[in-house]
Amino acid sequence: MLAKMTAKNQLTLPKSVTAAVGPAEYFDVEARNGQIILTPVRIQRGDAVRAKLAELDLQEQDIADAVAWAHQPSSPAPVKSRRKK
């Protein structure tokens, strides 16, 4: 089967291929020996939460600060500083 890549590097996978591997919204993509390998990934809720936390770049100290703030009545919320990377 052929799949054409668009100018935006997008591929449409044939329905028969996606039906054979089952429903998947995400695929792990790997280049190996000149081939593109797609592996269906089923993201669990826990994985989605971990991905969001990674995106927010939260550190252990940020969480500790938030917990400490939550235990103090009528304190302003802590503001996460934006560190330059």
PDB file of N, CA and C in Angstrom:
ATOM      1  N   MET A   1       0.847  -1.177   0.000  1.00  0.00           N
ATOM      2  CA  MET A   1       0.000   0.000   0.000  1.00  0.00           C
ATOM      3  C   MET A   1       0.891   1.239   0.000  1.00  0.00           C
ATOM      4  N   LEU A   2       0.414   2.264  -0.611  1.00  0.00           N
ATOM      5  CA  LEU A   2       1.139   3.526  -0.648  1.00  0.00           C
ATOM      6  C   LEU A   2       0.431   4.563   0.213  1.00  0.00           C
ATOM      7  N   ALA A   3       1.234   5.420   0.820  1.00  0.00           N
ATOM      8  CA  ALA A   3       0.713   6.571   1.550  1.00  0.00           C
ATOM      9  C   ALA A   3       1.534   7.763   1.083  1.00  0.00           C
ATOM     10  N   LYS A   4       0.875   8.826   0.704  1.00  0.00           N
ATOM     11  CA  LYS A   4       1.559  10.012   0.203  1.00  0.00           C
ATOM     12  C   LYS A   4       1.777  11.011   1.333  1.00  0.00           C
ATOM     13  N   MET A   5       2.996  11.568   1.378  1.00  0.00           N
ATOM     14  CA  MET A   5       3.307  12.592   2.368  1.00  0.00           C
ATOM     15  C   MET A   5       2.947  13.953   1.780  1.00  0.00           C
ATOM     16  N   THR A   6       2.249  14.772   2.574  1.00  0.00           N
ATOM     17  CA  THR A   6       1.869  16.106   2.112  1.00  0.00           C
ATOM     18  C   THR A   6       3.038  17.071   2.291  1.00  0.00           C
ATOM     19  N   ALA A   7       2.869  18.289   1.820  1.00  0.00           N
ATOM     20  CA  ALA A   7       3.891  19.328   1.969  1.00  0.00           C
ATOM     21  C   ALA A   7       4.141  19.652   3.436  1.00  0.00           C
ATOM     22  N   LYS A   8       3.173  19.323   4.303  1.00  0.00           N
ATOM     23  CA  LYS A   8       3.309  19.576   5.744  1.00  0.00           C
ATOM     24  C   LYS A   8       3.784  18.326   6.499  1.00  0.00           C
ATOM     25  N   ASN A   9       4.395  17.369   5.789  1.00  0.00           N
ATOM     26  CA  ASN A   9       4.908  16.126   6.382  1.00  0.00           C
ATOM     27  C   ASN A   9       3.815  15.292   7.055  1.00  0.00           C
ATOM     28  N   GLN A  10       2.628  15.312   6.516  1.00  0.00           N
ATOM     29  CA  GLN A  10       1.527  14.537   7.079  1.00  0.00           C
ATOM     30  C   GLN A  10       1.248  13.325   6.195  1.00  0.00           C
ATOM     31  N   LEU A  11       0.945  12.209   6.852  1.00  0.00           N
ATOM     32  CA  LEU A  11       0.587  10.978   6.156  1.00  0.00           C
ATOM     33  C   LEU A  11      -0.813  10.563   6.579  1.00  0.00           C
ATOM     34  N   THR A  12      -1.550   9.998   5.647  1.00  0.00           N
ATOM     35  CA  THR A  12      -2.821   9.373   5.986  1.00  0.00           C
ATOM     36  C   THR A  12      -2.596   7.878   5.894  1.00  0.00           C
ATOM     37  N   LEU A  13      -2.809   7.191   6.998  1.00  0.00           N
ATOM     38  CA  LEU A  13      -2.607   5.753   7.009  1.00  0.00           C
ATOM     39  C   LEU A  13      -3.830   5.055   6.429  1.00  0.00           C
ATOM     40  N   PRO A  14      -3.609   4.025   5.626  1.00  0.00           N
ATOM     41  CA  PRO A  14      -4.749   3.289   5.066  1.00  0.00           C
ATOM     42  C   PRO A  14      -5.617   2.700   6.180  1.00  0.00           C
ATOM     43  N   LYS A  15      -6.915   2.740   5.966  1.00  0.00           N
ATOM     44  CA  LYS A  15      -7.861   2.258   6.969  1.00  0.00           C
ATOM     45  C   LYS A  15      -7.613   0.794   7.327  1.00  0.00           C
ATOM     46  N   SER A  16      -7.240  -0.008   6.345  1.00  0.00           N
ATOM     47  CA  SER A  16      -6.997  -1.427   6.613  1.00  0.00           C
ATOM     48  C   SER A  16      -5.811  -1.624   7.567  1.00  0.00           C
ATOM     49  N   VAL A  17      -4.826  -0.728   7.496  1.00  0.00           N
ATOM     50  CA  VAL A  17      -3.665  -0.813   8.389  1.00  0.00           C
ATOM     51  C   VAL A  17      -4.061  -0.422   9.807  1.00  0.00           C
ATOM     52  N   THR A  18      -4.777   0.681   9.948  1.00  0.00           N
ATOM     53  CA  THR A  18      -5.177   1.118  11.291  1.00  0.00           C
ATOM     54  C   THR A  18      -6.170   0.139  11.910  1.00  0.00           C
ATOM     55  N   ALA A  19      -7.012  -0.461  11.100  1.00  0.00           N
ATOM     56  CA  ALA A  19      -7.965  -1.453  11.612  1.00  0.00           C
ATOM     57  C   ALA A  19      -7.219  -2.685  12.124  1.00  0.00           C
ATOM     58  N   ALA A  20      -6.108  -3.028  11.486  1.00  0.00           N
ATOM     59  CA  ALA A  20      -5.344  -4.209  11.881  1.00  0.00           C
ATOM     60  C   ALA A  20      -4.654  -4.028  13.231  1.00  0.00           C
ATOM     61  N   VAL A  21      -4.287  -2.787  13.584  1.00  0.00           N
ATOM     62  CA  VAL A  21      -3.589  -2.561  14.860  1.00  0.00           C
ATOM     63  C   VAL A  21      -4.528  -2.078  15.962  1.00  0.00           C
ATOM     64  N   GLY A  22      -5.757  -1.771  15.623  1.00  0.00           N
ATOM     65  CA  GLY A  22      -6.713  -1.308  16.623  1.00  0.00           C
ATOM     66  C   GLY A  22      -6.679   0.199  16.764  1.00  0.00           C
ATOM     67  N   PRO A  23      -7.649   0.742  17.519  1.00  0.00           N
ATOM     68  CA  PRO A  23      -7.748   2.188  17.642  1.00  0.00           C
ATOM     69  C   PRO A  23      -6.551   2.778  18.402  1.00  0.00           C
ATOM     70  N   ALA A  24      -5.963   3.814  17.832  1.00  0.00           N
ATOM     71  CA  ALA A  24      -4.855   4.519  18.481  1.00  0.00           C
ATOM     72  C   ALA A  24      -4.841   5.951  17.981  1.00  0.00           C
ATOM     73  N   GLU A  25      -4.683   6.874  18.896  1.00  0.00           N
ATOM     74  CA  GLU A  25      -4.606   8.284  18.532  1.00  0.00           C
ATOM     75  C   GLU A  25      -3.151   8.728  18.382  1.00  0.00           C
ATOM     76  N   TYR A  26      -2.259   8.036  19.095  1.00  0.00           N
ATOM     77  CA  TYR A  26      -0.843   8.388  19.083  1.00  0.00           C
ATOM     78  C   TYR A  26      -0.006   7.208  18.615  1.00  0.00           C
ATOM     79  N   PHE A  27       1.115   7.527  17.977  1.00  0.00           N
ATOM     80  CA  PHE A  27       2.046   6.511  17.517  1.00  0.00           C
ATOM     81  C   PHE A  27       3.457   6.903  17.930  1.00  0.00           C
ATOM     82  N   ASP A  28       4.214   5.933  18.416  1.00  0.00           N
ATOM     83  CA  ASP A  28       5.636   6.139  18.640  1.00  0.00           C
ATOM     84  C   ASP A  28       6.293   6.036  17.266  1.00  0.00           C
ATOM     85  N   VAL A  29       7.167   6.986  16.940  1.00  0.00           N
ATOM     86  CA  VAL A  29       7.791   7.031  15.618  1.00  0.00           C
ATOM     87  C   VAL A  29       9.285   6.814  15.775  1.00  0.00           C
ATOM     88  N   GLU A  30       9.817   5.898  14.974  1.00  0.00           N
ATOM     89  CA  GLU A  30      11.232   5.566  15.041  1.00  0.00           C
ATOM     90  C   GLU A  30      11.771   5.399  13.624  1.00  0.00           C
ATOM     91  N   ALA A  31      12.955   5.928  13.385  1.00  0.00           N
ATOM     92  CA  ALA A  31      13.638   5.698  12.109  1.00  0.00           C
ATOM     93  C   ALA A  31      14.661   4.598  12.350  1.00  0.00           C
ATOM     94  N   ARG A  32      14.568   3.513  11.570  1.00  0.00           N
ATOM     95  CA  ARG A  32      15.486   2.384  11.734  1.00  0.00           C
ATOM     96  C   ARG A  32      15.868   1.829  10.369  1.00  0.00           C
ATOM     97  N   ASN A  33      17.165   1.862  10.084  1.00  0.00           N
ATOM     98  CA  ASN A  33      17.689   1.310   8.825  1.00  0.00           C
ATOM     99  C   ASN A  33      16.954   1.850   7.598  1.00  0.00           C
ATOM    100  N   GLY A  34      16.723   3.163   7.578  1.00  0.00           N
ATOM    101  CA  GLY A  34      16.066   3.780   6.426  1.00  0.00           C
ATOM    102  C   GLY A  34      14.564   3.582   6.374  1.00  0.00           C
ATOM    103  N   GLN A  35      13.987   3.017   7.420  1.00  0.00           N
ATOM    104  CA  GLN A  35      12.544   2.805   7.464  1.00  0.00           C
ATOM    105  C   GLN A  35      11.945   3.630   8.594  1.00  0.00           C
ATOM    106  N   ILE A  36      10.678   3.978   8.445  1.00  0.00           N
ATOM    107  CA  ILE A  36       9.930   4.651   9.502  1.00  0.00           C
ATOM    108  C   ILE A  36       9.045   3.602  10.154  1.00  0.00           C
ATOM    109  N   ILE A  37       9.232   3.423  11.463  1.00  0.00           N
ATOM    110  CA  ILE A  37       8.465   2.431  12.216  1.00  0.00           C
ATOM    111  C   ILE A  37       7.444   3.161  13.082  1.00  0.00           C
ATOM    112  N   LEU A  38       6.168   2.843  12.905  1.00  0.00           N
ATOM    113  CA  LEU A  38       5.090   3.421  13.709  1.00  0.00           C
ATOM    114  C   LEU A  38       4.557   2.342  14.639  1.00  0.00           C
ATOM    115  N   THR A  39       4.506   2.654  15.933  1.00  0.00           N
ATOM    116  CA  THR A  39       3.961   1.721  16.908  1.00  0.00           C
ATOM    117  C   THR A  39       2.823   2.410  17.648  1.00  0.00           C
ATOM    118  N   PRO A  40       1.614   1.841  17.611  1.00  0.00           N
ATOM    119  CA  PRO A  40       0.494   2.465  18.310  1.00  0.00           C
ATOM    120  C   PRO A  40       0.767   2.583  19.804  1.00  0.00           C
ATOM    121  N   VAL A  41       0.398   3.726  20.367  1.00  0.00           N
ATOM    122  CA  VAL A  41       0.565   3.974  21.791  1.00  0.00           C
ATOM    123  C   VAL A  41      -0.794   4.332  22.360  1.00  0.00           C
ATOM    124  N   ARG A  42      -1.174   3.634  23.393  1.00  0.00           N
ATOM    125  CA  ARG A  42      -2.432   3.941  24.069  1.00  0.00           C
ATOM    126  C   ARG A  42      -2.089   4.668  25.362  1.00  0.00           C
ATOM    127  N   ILE A  43      -2.299   5.962  25.365  1.00  0.00           N
ATOM    128  CA  ILE A  43      -1.932   6.791  26.512  1.00  0.00           C
ATOM    129  C   ILE A  43      -2.993   6.635  27.589  1.00  0.00           C
ATOM    130  N   GLN A  44      -2.537   6.309  28.776  1.00  0.00           N
ATOM    131  CA  GLN A  44      -3.426   6.177  29.918  1.00  0.00           C
ATOM    132  C   GLN A  44      -3.561   7.538  30.596  1.00  0.00           C
ATOM    133  N   ARG A  45      -4.570   7.696  31.423  1.00  0.00           N
ATOM    134  CA  ARG A  45      -4.773   8.968  32.123  1.00  0.00           C
ATOM    135  C   ARG A  45      -3.542   9.370  32.919  1.00  0.00           C
ATOM    136  N   GLY A  46      -2.922   8.421  33.592  1.00  0.00           N
ATOM    137  CA  GLY A  46      -1.721   8.719  34.361  1.00  0.00           C
ATOM    138  C   GLY A  46      -0.612   9.266  33.475  1.00  0.00           C
ATOM    139  N   ASP A  47      -0.479   8.688  32.283  1.00  0.00           N
ATOM    140  CA  ASP A  47       0.528   9.170  31.335  1.00  0.00           C
ATOM    141  C   ASP A  47       0.220  10.601  30.904  1.00  0.00           C
ATOM    142  N   ALA A  48      -1.059  10.899  30.698  1.00  0.00           N
ATOM    143  CA  ALA A  48      -1.444  12.245  30.296  1.00  0.00           C
ATOM    144  C   ALA A  48      -1.130  13.256  31.398  1.00  0.00           C
ATOM    145  N   VAL A  49      -1.368  12.871  32.647  1.00  0.00           N
ATOM    146  CA  VAL A  49      -1.064  13.756  33.781  1.00  0.00           C
ATOM    147  C   VAL A  49       0.443  13.976  33.868  1.00  0.00           C
ATOM    148  N   ARG A  50       1.224  12.889  33.746  1.00  0.00           N
ATOM    149  CA  ARG A  50       2.678  13.032  33.801  1.00  0.00           C
ATOM    150  C   ARG A  50       3.183  13.909  32.667  1.00  0.00           C
ATOM    151  N   ALA A  51       2.610  13.775  31.471  1.00  0.00           N
ATOM    152  CA  ALA A  51       3.024  14.596  30.331  1.00  0.00           C
ATOM    153  C   ALA A  51       2.712  16.071  30.590  1.00  0.00           C
ATOM    154  N   LYS A  52       1.549  16.358  31.174  1.00  0.00           N
ATOM    155  CA  LYS A  52       1.188  17.742  31.481  1.00  0.00           C
ATOM    156  C   LYS A  52       2.120  18.316  32.537  1.00  0.00           C
ATOM    157  N   LEU A  53       2.443  17.530  33.568  1.00  0.00           N
ATOM    158  CA  LEU A  53       3.374  17.997  34.595  1.00  0.00           C
ATOM    159  C   LEU A  53       4.746  18.279  33.993  1.00  0.00           C
ATOM    160  N   ALA A  54       5.191  17.426  33.084  1.00  0.00           N
ATOM    161  CA  ALA A  54       6.486  17.656  32.420  1.00  0.00           C
ATOM    162  C   ALA A  54       6.438  18.929  31.589  1.00  0.00           C
ATOM    163  N   GLU A  55       5.312  19.157  30.916  1.00  0.00           N
ATOM    164  CA  GLU A  55       5.134  20.365  30.104  1.00  0.00           C
ATOM    165  C   GLU A  55       5.188  21.621  30.978  1.00  0.00           C
ATOM    166  N   LEU A  56       4.650  21.538  32.192  1.00  0.00           N
ATOM    167  CA  LEU A  56       4.645  22.677  33.108  1.00  0.00           C
ATOM    168  C   LEU A  56       6.003  22.891  33.776  1.00  0.00           C
ATOM    169  N   ASP A  57       6.916  21.925  33.606  1.00  0.00           N
ATOM    170  CA  ASP A  57       8.263  22.009  34.174  1.00  0.00           C
ATOM    171  C   ASP A  57       8.233  22.215  35.682  1.00  0.00           C
ATOM    172  N   LEU A  58       7.332  21.471  36.357  1.00  0.00           N
ATOM    173  CA  LEU A  58       7.242  21.564  37.811  1.00  0.00           C
ATOM    174  C   LEU A  58       8.397  20.811  38.458  1.00  0.00           C
ATOM    175  N   GLN A  59       8.968  21.398  39.477  1.00  0.00           N
ATOM    176  CA  GLN A  59      10.047  20.783  40.238  1.00  0.00           C
ATOM    177  C   GLN A  59       9.495  20.373  41.608  1.00  0.00           C
ATOM    178  N   GLU A  60      10.219  19.526  42.308  1.00  0.00           N
ATOM    179  CA  GLU A  60       9.764  19.081  43.632  1.00  0.00           C
ATOM    180  C   GLU A  60       9.531  20.264  44.566  1.00  0.00           C
ATOM    181  N   GLN A  61      10.377  21.284  44.489  1.00  0.00           N
ATOM    182  CA  GLN A  61      10.226  22.444  45.370  1.00  0.00           C
ATOM    183  C   GLN A  61       8.933  23.196  45.071  1.00  0.00           C
ATOM    184  N   ASP A  62       8.530  23.262  43.800  1.00  0.00           N
ATOM    185  CA  ASP A  62       7.270  23.916  43.435  1.00  0.00           C
ATOM    186  C   ASP A  62       6.093  23.226  44.129  1.00  0.00           C
ATOM    187  N   ILE A  63       6.124  21.902  44.155  1.00  0.00           N
ATOM    188  CA  ILE A  63       5.048  21.137  44.783  1.00  0.00           C
ATOM    189  C   ILE A  63       5.076  21.341  46.297  1.00  0.00           C
ATOM    190  N   ALA A  64       6.274  21.302  46.877  1.00  0.00           N
ATOM    191  CA  ALA A  64       6.405  21.523  48.320  1.00  0.00           C
ATOM    192  C   ALA A  64       5.890  22.908  48.696  1.00  0.00           C
ATOM    193  N   ASP A  65       6.208  23.926  47.887  1.00  0.00           N
ATOM    194  CA  ASP A  65       5.719  25.291  48.140  1.00  0.00           C
ATOM    195  C   ASP A  65       4.192  25.346  48.084  1.00  0.00           C
ATOM    196  N   ALA A  66       3.608  24.658  47.107  1.00  0.00           N
ATOM    197  CA  ALA A  66       2.151  24.662  46.957  1.00  0.00           C
ATOM    198  C   ALA A  66       1.478  23.977  48.146  1.00  0.00           C
ATOM    199  N   VAL A  67       2.049  22.869  48.609  1.00  0.00           N
ATOM    200  CA  VAL A  67       1.490  22.162  49.761  1.00  0.00           C
ATOM    201  C   VAL A  67       1.594  23.032  51.011  1.00  0.00           C
ATOM    202  N   ALA A  68       2.748  23.674  51.205  1.00  0.00           N
ATOM    203  CA  ALA A  68       2.928  24.555  52.366  1.00  0.00           C
ATOM    204  C   ALA A  68       1.937  25.711  52.320  1.00  0.00           C
ATOM    205  N   TRP A  69       1.732  26.268  51.136  1.00  0.00           N
ATOM    206  CA  TRP A  69       0.779  27.367  50.980  1.00  0.00           C
ATOM    207  C   TRP A  69      -0.643  26.902  51.314  1.00  0.00           C
ATOM    208  N   ALA A  70      -0.994  25.678  50.881  1.00  0.00           N
ATOM    209  CA  ALA A  70      -2.348  25.166  51.099  1.00  0.00           C
ATOM    210  C   ALA A  70      -2.661  24.993  52.584  1.00  0.00           C
ATOM    211  N   HIS A  71      -1.640  24.810  53.406  1.00  0.00           N
ATOM    212  CA  HIS A  71      -1.843  24.622  54.835  1.00  0.00           C
ATOM    213  C   HIS A  71      -1.869  25.933  55.613  1.00  0.00           C
ATOM    214  N   GLN A  72      -1.708  27.055  54.917  1.00  0.00           N
ATOM    215  CA  GLN A  72      -1.739  28.362  55.586  1.00  0.00           C
ATOM    216  C   GLN A  72      -2.987  29.118  55.146  1.00  0.00           C
ATOM    217  N   PRO A  73      -3.920  29.375  56.053  1.00  0.00           N
ATOM    218  CA  PRO A  73      -5.145  30.083  55.665  1.00  0.00           C
ATOM    219  C   PRO A  73      -4.851  31.518  55.226  1.00  0.00           C
ATOM    220  N   SER A  74      -5.590  31.972  54.261  1.00  0.00           N
ATOM    221  CA  SER A  74      -5.560  33.335  53.704  1.00  0.00           C
ATOM    222  C   SER A  74      -4.167  33.808  53.289  1.00  0.00           C
ATOM    223  N   SER A  75      -3.400  32.926  52.682  1.00  0.00           N
ATOM    224  CA  SER A  75      -2.109  33.314  52.110  1.00  0.00           C
ATOM    225  C   SER A  75      -2.252  33.426  50.601  1.00  0.00           C
ATOM    226  N   PRO A  76      -1.527  34.362  49.980  1.00  0.00           N
ATOM    227  CA  PRO A  76      -1.587  34.443  48.520  1.00  0.00           C
ATOM    228  C   PRO A  76      -0.953  33.206  47.899  1.00  0.00           C
ATOM    229  N   ALA A  77      -1.443  32.823  46.749  1.00  0.00           N
ATOM    230  CA  ALA A  77      -0.921  31.650  46.065  1.00  0.00           C
ATOM    231  C   ALA A  77       0.522  31.871  45.631  1.00  0.00           C
ATOM    232  N   PRO A  78       1.355  30.819  45.717  1.00  0.00           N
ATOM    233  CA  PRO A  78       2.741  30.973  45.262  1.00  0.00           C
ATOM    234  C   PRO A  78       2.774  31.145  43.751  1.00  0.00           C
ATOM    235  N   VAL A  79       3.688  31.938  43.284  1.00  0.00           N
ATOM    236  CA  VAL A  79       3.852  32.171  41.842  1.00  0.00           C
ATOM    237  C   VAL A  79       5.133  31.492  41.416  1.00  0.00           C
ATOM    238  N   LYS A  80       5.016  30.619  40.436  1.00  0.00           N
ATOM    239  CA  LYS A  80       6.192  29.916  39.943  1.00  0.00           C
ATOM    240  C   LYS A  80       7.037  30.879  39.139  1.00  0.00           C
ATOM    241  N   SER A  81       8.292  30.960  39.483  1.00  0.00           N
ATOM    242  CA  SER A  81       9.185  31.843  38.729  1.00  0.00           C
ATOM    243  C   SER A  81       9.512  31.194  37.392  1.00  0.00           C
ATOM    244  N   ARG A  82       9.687  32.007  36.404  1.00  0.00           N
ATOM    245  CA  ARG A  82      10.039  31.510  35.076  1.00  0.00           C
ATOM    246  C   ARG A  82      11.561  31.493  34.950  1.00  0.00           C
ATOM    247  N   ARG A  83      12.114  30.300  35.050  1.00  0.00           N
ATOM    248  CA  ARG A  83      13.552  30.158  34.924  1.00  0.00           C
ATOM    249  C   ARG A  83      13.953  30.145  33.464  1.00  0.00           C
ATOM    250  N   LYS A  84      15.052  30.820  33.136  1.00  0.00           N
ATOM    251  CA  LYS A  84      15.553  30.771  31.764  1.00  0.00           C
ATOM    252  C   LYS A  84      16.301  29.478  31.562  1.00  0.00           C
ATOM    253  N   LYS A  85      16.050  28.864  30.440  1.00  0.00           N
ATOM    254  CA  LYS A  85      16.711  27.581  30.136  1.00  0.00           C
ATOM    255  C   LYS A  85      17.881  27.794  29.226  1.00  0.00           C
TER     256      LYS A  85
END
